[in-house]
Structures are given as C-alpha cells and as structure tokens.
Protein backbone atom coordinates (compact mmCIF):
# COMPACT_ATOMS: atom_id res chain seq x y z
CA UNK A 1 -12.37 39.07 24.18
CA UNK A 2 -14.15 38.51 20.92
CA UNK A 3 -10.80 38.42 19.12
CA UNK A 4 -9.49 35.81 21.46
CA UNK A 5 -12.62 33.67 20.99
CA UNK A 6 -12.45 34.12 17.25
CA UNK A 7 -8.63 33.07 17.21
CA UNK A 8 -9.37 30.06 19.47
CA UNK A 9 -12.33 29.05 17.34
CA UNK A 10 -10.15 29.28 14.20
CA UNK A 11 -7.42 27.15 15.77
CA UNK A 12 -9.94 24.60 16.87
CA UNK A 13 -11.54 24.41 13.44
CA UNK A 14 -8.08 24.09 11.81
CA UNK A 15 -7.09 21.27 14.13
CA UNK A 16 -10.35 19.38 13.29
CA UNK A 17 -9.93 19.94 9.54
CA UNK A 18 -6.22 18.90 9.74
CA UNK A 19 -7.10 15.66 11.56
CA UNK A 20 -9.81 14.66 9.17
CA UNK A 21 -8.06 16.07 6.02
CA UNK A 22 -6.37 12.83 5.01
CA UNK A 23 -9.17 10.68 3.76
CA UNK A 24 -6.74 7.91 2.85
CA UNK A 25 -5.66 5.04 5.11
CA UNK A 26 -1.97 4.06 5.12
CA UNK A 27 -1.51 0.34 4.79
CA UNK A 28 2.16 -0.02 4.21
CA UNK A 29 5.25 2.24 4.48
CA UNK A 30 8.98 1.75 4.49
CA UNK A 31 12.13 3.75 4.26
CA UNK A 32 15.23 2.66 2.43
CA UNK A 33 18.77 3.18 3.76
CA UNK A 34 19.28 6.02 1.23
CA UNK A 35 16.27 7.90 2.61
CA UNK A 36 13.59 6.98 0.03
CA UNK A 37 10.24 6.77 1.66
CA UNK A 38 7.50 4.65 0.11
CA UNK A 39 3.85 4.85 1.36
CA UNK A 40 0.86 2.93 0.11
CA UNK A 41 -2.53 4.35 0.97
CA UNK A 42 -6.11 3.62 0.02
CA UNK A 43 -9.22 5.72 0.38
CA UNK A 44 -11.58 4.87 3.14
CA UNK A 45 -14.30 4.46 0.56
CA UNK A 46 -12.15 1.83 -1.33
CA UNK A 47 -11.51 0.12 1.91
CA UNK A 48 -15.25 -0.43 2.43
CA UNK A 49 -15.52 -2.11 -0.93
CA UNK A 50 -12.68 -4.64 -0.49
CA UNK A 51 -13.52 -8.29 -0.16
CA UNK A 52 -13.22 -9.68 3.30
CA UNK A 53 -11.22 -12.78 4.29
CA UNK A 54 -11.03 -14.63 7.57
CA UNK A 55 -8.14 -16.99 7.76
CA UNK A 56 -9.42 -18.59 10.86
CA UNK A 57 -12.55 -19.87 9.12
CA UNK A 58 -10.41 -21.75 6.54
CA UNK A 59 -11.94 -19.72 3.72
CA UNK A 60 -10.30 -19.39 0.33
CA UNK A 61 -8.67 -16.17 -0.48
CA UNK A 62 -10.75 -13.93 -2.82
CA UNK A 63 -7.45 -13.45 -4.73
CA UNK A 64 -5.05 -16.40 -5.22
CA UNK A 65 -1.27 -16.12 -4.70
CA UNK A 66 -0.69 -16.72 -8.39
CA UNK A 67 -3.17 -14.04 -9.37
CA UNK A 68 -1.57 -11.48 -7.04
CA UNK A 69 1.93 -12.45 -8.36
CA UNK A 70 0.68 -12.09 -11.91
CA UNK A 71 -0.95 -8.79 -11.22
CA UNK A 72 2.06 -7.38 -9.45
CA UNK A 73 4.45 -8.42 -12.18
CA UNK A 74 2.34 -6.95 -14.94
CA UNK A 75 2.18 -3.69 -13.10
CA UNK A 76 5.94 -3.63 -12.61
CA UNK A 77 6.54 -4.34 -16.29
CA UNK A 78 4.37 -1.29 -17.21
CA UNK A 79 5.91 0.97 -14.56
CA UNK A 80 9.51 -0.07 -15.24
CA UNK A 81 9.65 -1.27 -18.94
CA UNK A 82 13.50 -1.17 -19.15
CA UNK A 83 13.66 -4.30 -16.87
CA UNK A 84 13.37 -7.61 -18.65
CA UNK A 85 11.62 -9.46 -15.94
CA UNK A 86 11.14 -9.67 -12.11
CA UNK A 87 12.11 -12.34 -9.60
CA UNK A 88 9.97 -12.98 -6.50
CA UNK A 89 11.86 -12.31 -3.34
CA UNK A 90 9.10 -12.47 -0.71
CA UNK A 91 5.30 -12.91 -0.47
CA UNK A 92 3.36 -11.85 2.52
CA UNK A 93 -0.29 -11.67 3.28
CA UNK A 94 -0.84 -8.78 5.68
CA UNK A 95 -3.75 -7.56 7.70
CA UNK A 96 -4.74 -3.91 7.65
CA UNK A 97 -4.61 -3.95 11.43
CA UNK A 98 -5.94 -0.57 12.49
CA UNK A 99 -8.90 -0.22 10.07
CA UNK A 100 -12.49 -0.45 11.13
CA UNK A 101 -13.16 -3.73 9.36
CA UNK A 102 -11.37 -6.60 10.90
CA UNK A 103 -10.74 -8.74 7.87
CA UNK A 104 -9.15 -6.37 5.28
CA UNK A 105 -6.02 -8.13 4.02
CA UNK A 106 -3.57 -7.51 1.18
CA UNK A 107 -0.49 -9.14 -0.50
CA UNK A 108 2.86 -7.51 -0.13
CA UNK A 109 5.08 -8.90 -2.88
CA UNK A 110 8.73 -8.02 -2.99
CA UNK A 111 10.36 -8.37 -6.45
CA UNK A 112 13.96 -8.07 -7.66
CA UNK A 113 14.43 -6.78 -11.33
CA UNK A 114 16.19 -8.73 -13.84
CA UNK A 115 18.17 -7.32 -16.80
CA UNK A 116 19.16 -9.90 -19.29
CA UNK A 117 19.94 -12.94 -17.24
CA UNK A 118 21.31 -10.91 -14.26
CA UNK A 119 19.21 -10.40 -11.13
CA UNK A 120 19.80 -6.92 -9.76
CA UNK A 121 20.63 -7.65 -6.19
CA UNK A 122 20.28 -4.70 -3.89
CA UNK A 123 17.18 -3.31 -5.74
CA UNK A 124 13.80 -4.46 -4.72
CA UNK A 125 10.27 -3.25 -5.39
CA UNK A 126 7.41 -3.85 -2.87
CA UNK A 127 4.03 -4.15 -4.62
CA UNK A 128 0.80 -4.02 -2.67
CA UNK A 129 -1.99 -6.09 -4.30
CA UNK A 130 -5.46 -5.90 -2.75
CA UNK A 131 -7.76 -8.95 -2.53
CA UNK A 132 -9.80 -7.55 -5.36
CA UNK A 133 -6.53 -7.78 -7.60
CA UNK A 134 -5.96 -4.00 -7.72
CA UNK A 135 -2.55 -2.43 -7.11
CA UNK A 136 -2.02 0.27 -4.63
CA UNK A 137 0.08 2.94 -6.22
CA UNK A 138 3.00 3.92 -3.96
CA UNK A 139 3.75 7.50 -3.02
CA UNK A 140 7.59 7.79 -3.19
CA UNK A 141 9.48 10.72 -1.60
CA UNK A 142 13.17 11.31 -1.14
CA UNK A 143 14.26 12.71 2.21
C-alpha cells in the first residue's frame, strides 16, 4: 500500500512539474510545407515588463511601424549576412490572446530576402518584434 501511494505521489508531482516546467509563453508558431517548425516564445517575466497598448482607446503604439520594420531588418541582416537586403511582404500587429494581460501586442513582419537585385520568392522570414523594440528569437526545428 505504501508503495502504491509513493508511486501515485511521484506521478502526481511529475505531472505538476511537467505542466509548470515551461516558463515561456508561446506567442507565434508556424510550420512550413517542408516540415520546418518555427516557434517564438517569451518568458512570463518578460511578458509582465512589456508596454501595454489598447487600440480601442486610440493610443499611439509604443513602437512605431517604421521602428519595428527597421529593428526586424537589422536583426535579419545580422542573422543572415549573406543576403543583400530584405523586402517587406507583410506586417501584422497581433495580440497575445491567451496571456494574463489583455493588451500585450507584437509585430509579426514577414520579409523576403534579396540577393543582388533578385527577390528570393518562395523564401520568407517571419520576425517577431515586441512593442519595446526587442526581437523574439525563434526556435527552429526540422520534423
């Protein structure tokens, strides 16, 4: 009987530890057609530090579109220096919908690389820029 209680206690503690193990919050993820998975996460502590924005109150964004674009492009040029430049494909402002704070938002900017004067169609990079102008480093895995 003691052994069963000990085993059940261990299982219960393991489940609790597993559920609370990931101290990061996923804010964006996608999988490409070739099975590459990209996940952007931030820590819960970082989440608490982020500037808030309420679009319904007609407030100015804490980070402008142009600042987010510039930040994203600078990060890409450091990460992939063999590319000559990057073309903006899409800009989105997204809400971190399932977080504890209602007004956590971020920019998701999709860029296409340019080599010489040729845009590399079919290749895109999604860059997550927080409203404090920080980049969220992606975790990339191949399935």
